[in-house]
Amino acid sequence: MKIRVVLGIAIASCLVSCASVHRPDGNRGLMQGMIYDYENRPVCGYTIALEGTGKTVTDLNGRFCFANVPYGTGSLSGEGPRHADYRNTFEFADRAQILHVRIPSCAWLYRETDRELSEGDLAGARKNLESLPNRERETSVWKIYDAACRYLSAGDEERDNLRELAERLDRRYSHE
């Protein structure tokens, strides 16, 4: 009977320690991750920042890693020239863990904006347009889609003014 009790306690103790994902007292590990776009292509050259640790850039396969990362909750952010910015928290609990992050490319967001405008989903189109990085707001494509969204949500008088704005933008940027 004593052997069963001791054996039961030992097994329960082992199960509890194996199931625990939290590593207290500053245990650290190598955090690895992969960045893919919404079309499952690796995102190369994307800058990733891990709060309190530093920055790195993804390789040709969209991979990144940070050494000496404390176990627990962390904040990851990223930006790249052809993809939307990223910001999210994560739980880092195991040295074998690999973070898989999917981000939309700017081209994908523009295609979705176009599709939603064609289907009359103005709210969805505006949401996609607003999720593009701030640097995109200086491009002719962003300005034309913004003008289209504003036009479709405007009243008759404002539509006339916006139609003129769209025509000016079209003439200005049609040579780019």
C-alpha atoms as a PDB file:
ATOM      1  CA  MET A   1       0.000   0.000   0.000  1.00  0.00           C
ATOM      2  CA  LYS A   2       2.825   2.415   0.894  1.00  0.00           C
ATOM      3  CA  ILE A   3       4.514   1.676  -2.420  1.00  0.00           C
ATOM      4  CA  ARG A   4       1.330   2.581  -4.324  1.00  0.00           C
ATOM      5  CA  VAL A   5       0.970   5.870  -2.457  1.00  0.00           C
ATOM      6  CA  VAL A   6       4.633   6.808  -2.994  1.00  0.00           C
ATOM      7  CA  LEU A   7       4.448   5.745  -6.643  1.00  0.00           C
ATOM      8  CA  GLY A   8       1.220   7.729  -7.132  1.00  0.00           C
ATOM      9  CA  ILE A   9       2.778  10.850  -5.601  1.00  0.00           C
ATOM     10  CA  ALA A  10       5.893  10.471  -7.765  1.00  0.00           C
ATOM     11  CA  ILE A  11       3.845  10.091 -10.961  1.00  0.00           C
ATOM     12  CA  ALA A  12       1.576  13.030 -10.075  1.00  0.00           C
ATOM     13  CA  SER A  13       4.604  15.182  -9.277  1.00  0.00           C
ATOM     14  CA  CYS A  14       6.214  14.283 -12.589  1.00  0.00           C
ATOM     15  CA  LEU A  15       3.023  15.037 -14.529  1.00  0.00           C
ATOM     16  CA  VAL A  16       2.571  18.397 -12.841  1.00  0.00           C
ATOM     17  CA  SER A  17       6.168  19.441 -13.493  1.00  0.00           C
ATOM     18  CA  CYS A  18       6.013  18.291 -17.129  1.00  0.00           C
ATOM     19  CA  ALA A  19       2.708  20.086 -17.762  1.00  0.00           C
ATOM     20  CA  SER A  20       3.946  23.386 -16.398  1.00  0.00           C
ATOM     21  CA  VAL A  21       4.766  25.913 -19.106  1.00  0.00           C
ATOM     22  CA  HIS A  22       5.928  28.742 -16.863  1.00  0.00           C
ATOM     23  CA  ARG A  23       9.651  28.875 -16.113  1.00  0.00           C
ATOM     24  CA  PRO A  24      10.059  31.226 -13.125  1.00  0.00           C
ATOM     25  CA  ASP A  25      13.203  32.921 -11.848  1.00  0.00           C
ATOM     26  CA  GLY A  26      14.538  34.221 -15.132  1.00  0.00           C
ATOM     27  CA  ASN A  27      15.062  31.022 -17.097  1.00  0.00           C
ATOM     28  CA  ARG A  28      15.876  31.907 -20.696  1.00  0.00           C
ATOM     29  CA  GLY A  29      15.975  30.258 -24.074  1.00  0.00           C
ATOM     30  CA  LEU A  30      16.396  30.705 -27.816  1.00  0.00           C
ATOM     31  CA  MET A  31      13.170  32.050 -29.318  1.00  0.00           C
ATOM     32  CA  GLN A  32      12.677  31.186 -32.980  1.00  0.00           C
ATOM     33  CA  GLY A  33      10.016  32.224 -35.430  1.00  0.00           C
ATOM     34  CA  MET A  34       8.918  32.330 -39.033  1.00  0.00           C
ATOM     35  CA  ILE A  35       7.133  35.146 -40.871  1.00  0.00           C
ATOM     36  CA  TYR A  36       4.836  34.271 -43.778  1.00  0.00           C
ATOM     37  CA  ASP A  37       2.445  36.386 -45.804  1.00  0.00           C
ATOM     38  CA  TYR A  38      -1.225  35.542 -46.355  1.00  0.00           C
ATOM     39  CA  GLU A  39      -0.281  33.593 -49.484  1.00  0.00           C
ATOM     40  CA  ASN A  40       2.059  31.362 -47.403  1.00  0.00           C
ATOM     41  CA  ARG A  41       5.248  32.820 -48.855  1.00  0.00           C
ATOM     42  CA  PRO A  42       8.170  33.498 -46.500  1.00  0.00           C
ATOM     43  CA  VAL A  43       8.773  37.189 -45.817  1.00  0.00           C
ATOM     44  CA  CYS A  44      12.453  38.008 -46.331  1.00  0.00           C
ATOM     45  CA  GLY A  45      14.060  41.186 -44.977  1.00  0.00           C
ATOM     46  CA  TYR A  46      11.316  41.939 -42.438  1.00  0.00           C
ATOM     47  CA  THR A  47      12.607  43.699 -39.315  1.00  0.00           C
ATOM     48  CA  ILE A  48      11.454  42.060 -36.074  1.00  0.00           C
ATOM     49  CA  ALA A  49      11.816  43.696 -32.665  1.00  0.00           C
ATOM     50  CA  LEU A  50      11.443  41.850 -29.379  1.00  0.00           C
ATOM     51  CA  GLU A  51      10.733  44.204 -26.508  1.00  0.00           C
ATOM     52  CA  GLY A  52      13.689  44.339 -24.144  1.00  0.00           C
ATOM     53  CA  THR A  53      15.898  42.174 -26.346  1.00  0.00           C
ATOM     54  CA  GLY A  54      16.623  43.947 -29.624  1.00  0.00           C
ATOM     55  CA  LYS A  55      15.968  43.663 -33.348  1.00  0.00           C
ATOM     56  CA  THR A  56      16.756  41.232 -36.112  1.00  0.00           C
ATOM     57  CA  VAL A  57      15.870  40.763 -39.786  1.00  0.00           C
ATOM     58  CA  THR A  58      14.251  37.678 -41.286  1.00  0.00           C
ATOM     59  CA  ASP A  59      16.353  35.523 -43.605  1.00  0.00           C
ATOM     60  CA  LEU A  60      15.431  34.252 -47.087  1.00  0.00           C
ATOM     61  CA  ASN A  61      13.074  31.699 -45.541  1.00  0.00           C
ATOM     62  CA  GLY A  62      11.330  34.228 -43.291  1.00  0.00           C
ATOM     63  CA  ARG A  63      13.080  32.888 -40.185  1.00  0.00           C
ATOM     64  CA  PHE A  64      14.348  34.837 -37.204  1.00  0.00           C
ATOM     65  CA  CYS A  65      15.673  34.066 -33.733  1.00  0.00           C
ATOM     66  CA  PHE A  66      16.547  35.849 -30.508  1.00  0.00           C
ATOM     67  CA  ALA A  67      18.989  34.412 -27.971  1.00  0.00           C
ATOM     68  CA  ASN A  68      18.697  34.597 -24.203  1.00  0.00           C
ATOM     69  CA  VAL A  69      14.965  35.419 -24.147  1.00  0.00           C
ATOM     70  CA  PRO A  70      13.280  35.108 -20.734  1.00  0.00           C
ATOM     71  CA  TYR A  71      10.380  32.663 -20.552  1.00  0.00           C
ATOM     72  CA  GLY A  72       6.997  34.322 -20.152  1.00  0.00           C
ATOM     73  CA  THR A  73       4.918  36.892 -21.989  1.00  0.00           C
ATOM     74  CA  GLY A  74       6.663  39.096 -24.547  1.00  0.00           C
ATOM     75  CA  SER A  75       5.862  41.732 -27.125  1.00  0.00           C
ATOM     76  CA  LEU A  76       6.897  41.277 -30.751  1.00  0.00           C
ATOM     77  CA  SER A  77       6.659  43.928 -33.464  1.00  0.00           C
ATOM     78  CA  GLY A  78       7.784  44.134 -37.052  1.00  0.00           C
ATOM     79  CA  GLU A  79       7.869  46.173 -40.213  1.00  0.00           C
ATOM     80  CA  GLY A  80       8.994  45.729 -43.775  1.00  0.00           C
ATOM     81  CA  PRO A  81       8.976  47.571 -47.074  1.00  0.00           C
ATOM     82  CA  ARG A  82       6.264  45.475 -48.766  1.00  0.00           C
ATOM     83  CA  HIS A  83       4.219  44.177 -45.833  1.00  0.00           C
ATOM     84  CA  ALA A  84       1.919  45.477 -43.144  1.00  0.00           C
ATOM     85  CA  ASP A  85       3.340  46.339 -39.739  1.00  0.00           C
ATOM     86  CA  TYR A  86       2.923  43.740 -36.998  1.00  0.00           C
ATOM     87  CA  ARG A  87       2.479  43.994 -33.234  1.00  0.00           C
ATOM     88  CA  ASN A  88       1.377  41.264 -30.866  1.00  0.00           C
ATOM     89  CA  THR A  89       2.094  39.614 -27.530  1.00  0.00           C
ATOM     90  CA  PHE A  90       3.075  35.974 -27.180  1.00  0.00           C
ATOM     91  CA  GLU A  91       3.794  33.397 -24.524  1.00  0.00           C
ATOM     92  CA  PHE A  92       7.335  31.996 -24.696  1.00  0.00           C
ATOM     93  CA  ALA A  93       7.480  28.828 -22.635  1.00  0.00           C
ATOM     94  CA  ASP A  94       9.578  26.201 -24.371  1.00  0.00           C
ATOM     95  CA  ARG A  95      12.953  26.256 -26.088  1.00  0.00           C
ATOM     96  CA  ALA A  96      11.527  24.061 -28.874  1.00  0.00           C
ATOM     97  CA  GLN A  97       8.721  26.539 -29.513  1.00  0.00           C
ATOM     98  CA  ILE A  98       8.634  28.268 -32.897  1.00  0.00           C
ATOM     99  CA  LEU A  99       6.408  31.300 -33.415  1.00  0.00           C
ATOM    100  CA  HIS A 100       4.531  31.298 -36.709  1.00  0.00           C
ATOM    101  CA  VAL A 101       3.432  34.788 -37.748  1.00  0.00           C
ATOM    102  CA  ARG A 102       1.300  35.586 -40.795  1.00  0.00           C
ATOM    103  CA  ILE A 103       1.155  39.131 -42.104  1.00  0.00           C
ATOM    104  CA  PRO A 104      -0.499  40.551 -45.200  1.00  0.00           C
ATOM    105  CA  SER A 105       1.569  42.028 -47.986  1.00  0.00           C
ATOM    106  CA  CYS A 106       0.642  45.526 -49.131  1.00  0.00           C
ATOM    107  CA  ALA A 107      -0.310  44.072 -52.528  1.00  0.00           C
ATOM    108  CA  TRP A 108      -2.674  41.597 -50.833  1.00  0.00           C
ATOM    109  CA  LEU A 109      -4.304  44.397 -48.817  1.00  0.00           C
ATOM    110  CA  TYR A 110      -4.804  46.478 -51.968  1.00  0.00           C
ATOM    111  CA  ARG A 111      -6.357  43.500 -53.796  1.00  0.00           C
ATOM    112  CA  GLU A 112      -8.692  42.924 -50.862  1.00  0.00           C
ATOM    113  CA  THR A 113      -9.578  46.631 -50.756  1.00  0.00           C
ATOM    114  CA  ASP A 114     -10.380  46.519 -54.469  1.00  0.00           C
ATOM    115  CA  ARG A 115     -12.511  43.381 -54.079  1.00  0.00           C
ATOM    116  CA  GLU A 116     -14.429  44.854 -51.156  1.00  0.00           C
ATOM    117  CA  LEU A 117     -15.078  48.108 -52.983  1.00  0.00           C
ATOM    118  CA  SER A 118     -16.361  46.100 -55.965  1.00  0.00           C
ATOM    119  CA  GLU A 119     -18.692  44.174 -53.660  1.00  0.00           C
ATOM    120  CA  GLY A 120     -19.886  47.341 -51.928  1.00  0.00           C
ATOM    121  CA  ASP A 121     -18.245  46.519 -48.582  1.00  0.00           C
ATOM    122  CA  LEU A 122     -17.046  50.017 -47.771  1.00  0.00           C
ATOM    123  CA  ALA A 123     -16.295  49.223 -44.111  1.00  0.00           C
ATOM    124  CA  GLY A 124     -14.096  46.255 -45.076  1.00  0.00           C
ATOM    125  CA  ALA A 125     -12.300  48.286 -47.746  1.00  0.00           C
ATOM    126  CA  ARG A 126     -11.637  51.123 -45.289  1.00  0.00           C
ATOM    127  CA  LYS A 127     -10.392  48.651 -42.645  1.00  0.00           C
ATOM    128  CA  ASN A 128      -7.890  47.139 -45.105  1.00  0.00           C
ATOM    129  CA  LEU A 129      -6.769  50.556 -46.291  1.00  0.00           C
ATOM    130  CA  GLU A 130      -6.220  51.740 -42.717  1.00  0.00           C
ATOM    131  CA  SER A 131      -4.227  48.608 -41.861  1.00  0.00           C
ATOM    132  CA  LEU A 132      -1.572  49.482 -44.438  1.00  0.00           C
ATOM    133  CA  PRO A 133       1.640  50.976 -42.993  1.00  0.00           C
ATOM    134  CA  ASN A 134       1.731  54.768 -42.649  1.00  0.00           C
ATOM    135  CA  ARG A 135       4.444  55.007 -45.316  1.00  0.00           C
ATOM    136  CA  GLU A 136       1.892  53.720 -47.846  1.00  0.00           C
ATOM    137  CA  ARG A 137      -0.233  56.838 -47.324  1.00  0.00           C
ATOM    138  CA  GLU A 138       2.203  58.778 -49.487  1.00  0.00           C
ATOM    139  CA  THR A 139       1.728  56.497 -52.488  1.00  0.00           C
ATOM    140  CA  SER A 140      -0.604  57.261 -55.373  1.00  0.00           C
ATOM    141  CA  VAL A 141      -2.351  53.898 -55.001  1.00  0.00           C
ATOM    142  CA  TRP A 142      -3.278  54.585 -51.372  1.00  0.00           C
ATOM    143  CA  LYS A 143      -4.493  58.093 -52.197  1.00  0.00           C
ATOM    144  CA  ILE A 144      -6.712  56.842 -55.019  1.00  0.00           C
ATOM    145  CA  TYR A 145      -8.270  54.111 -52.874  1.00  0.00           C
ATOM    146  CA  ASP A 146      -8.744  56.615 -50.041  1.00  0.00           C
ATOM    147  CA  ALA A 147     -10.490  59.005 -52.447  1.00  0.00           C
ATOM    148  CA  ALA A 148     -12.717  56.150 -53.678  1.00  0.00           C
ATOM    149  CA  CYS A 149     -13.696  55.243 -50.101  1.00  0.00           C
ATOM    150  CA  ARG A 150     -14.415  58.856 -49.251  1.00  0.00           C
ATOM    151  CA  TYR A 151     -16.412  59.255 -52.465  1.00  0.00           C
ATOM    152  CA  LEU A 152     -18.580  56.201 -51.815  1.00  0.00           C
ATOM    153  CA  SER A 153     -19.360  57.287 -48.261  1.00  0.00           C
ATOM    154  CA  ALA A 154     -20.110  60.936 -49.153  1.00  0.00           C
ATOM    155  CA  GLY A 155     -23.320  62.779 -49.966  1.00  0.00           C
ATOM    156  CA  ASP A 156     -24.085  64.206 -53.433  1.00  0.00           C
ATOM    157  CA  GLU A 157     -22.410  67.605 -52.974  1.00  0.00           C
ATOM    158  CA  GLU A 158     -19.305  66.178 -51.396  1.00  0.00           C
ATOM    159  CA  ARG A 159     -19.148  63.536 -54.155  1.00  0.00           C
ATOM    160  CA  ASP A 160     -18.764  66.285 -56.756  1.00  0.00           C
ATOM    161  CA  ASN A 161     -15.797  67.728 -54.840  1.00  0.00           C
ATOM    162  CA  LEU A 162     -14.259  64.282 -54.369  1.00  0.00           C
ATOM    163  CA  ARG A 163     -14.767  63.418 -58.051  1.00  0.00           C
ATOM    164  CA  GLU A 164     -12.684  66.483 -58.920  1.00  0.00           C
ATOM    165  CA  LEU A 165     -10.022  65.428 -56.393  1.00  0.00           C
ATOM    166  CA  ALA A 166      -9.906  61.907 -57.867  1.00  0.00           C
ATOM    167  CA  GLU A 167      -9.529  63.289 -61.368  1.00  0.00           C
ATOM    168  CA  ARG A 168      -6.655  65.545 -60.247  1.00  0.00           C
ATOM    169  CA  LEU A 169      -4.944  62.626 -58.520  1.00  0.00           C
ATOM    170  CA  ASP A 170      -5.455  60.439 -61.558  1.00  0.00           C
ATOM    171  CA  ARG A 171      -3.879  63.041 -63.863  1.00  0.00           C
ATOM    172  CA  ARG A 172      -1.042  63.668 -61.407  1.00  0.00           C
ATOM    173  CA  TYR A 173      -0.135  60.027 -60.819  1.00  0.00           C
ATOM    174  CA  SER A 174      -1.038  58.418 -64.139  1.00  0.00           C
ATOM    175  CA  HIS A 175       2.543  58.889 -65.290  1.00  0.00           C
ATOM    176  CA  GLU A 176       4.181  57.023 -62.346  1.00  0.00           C
END
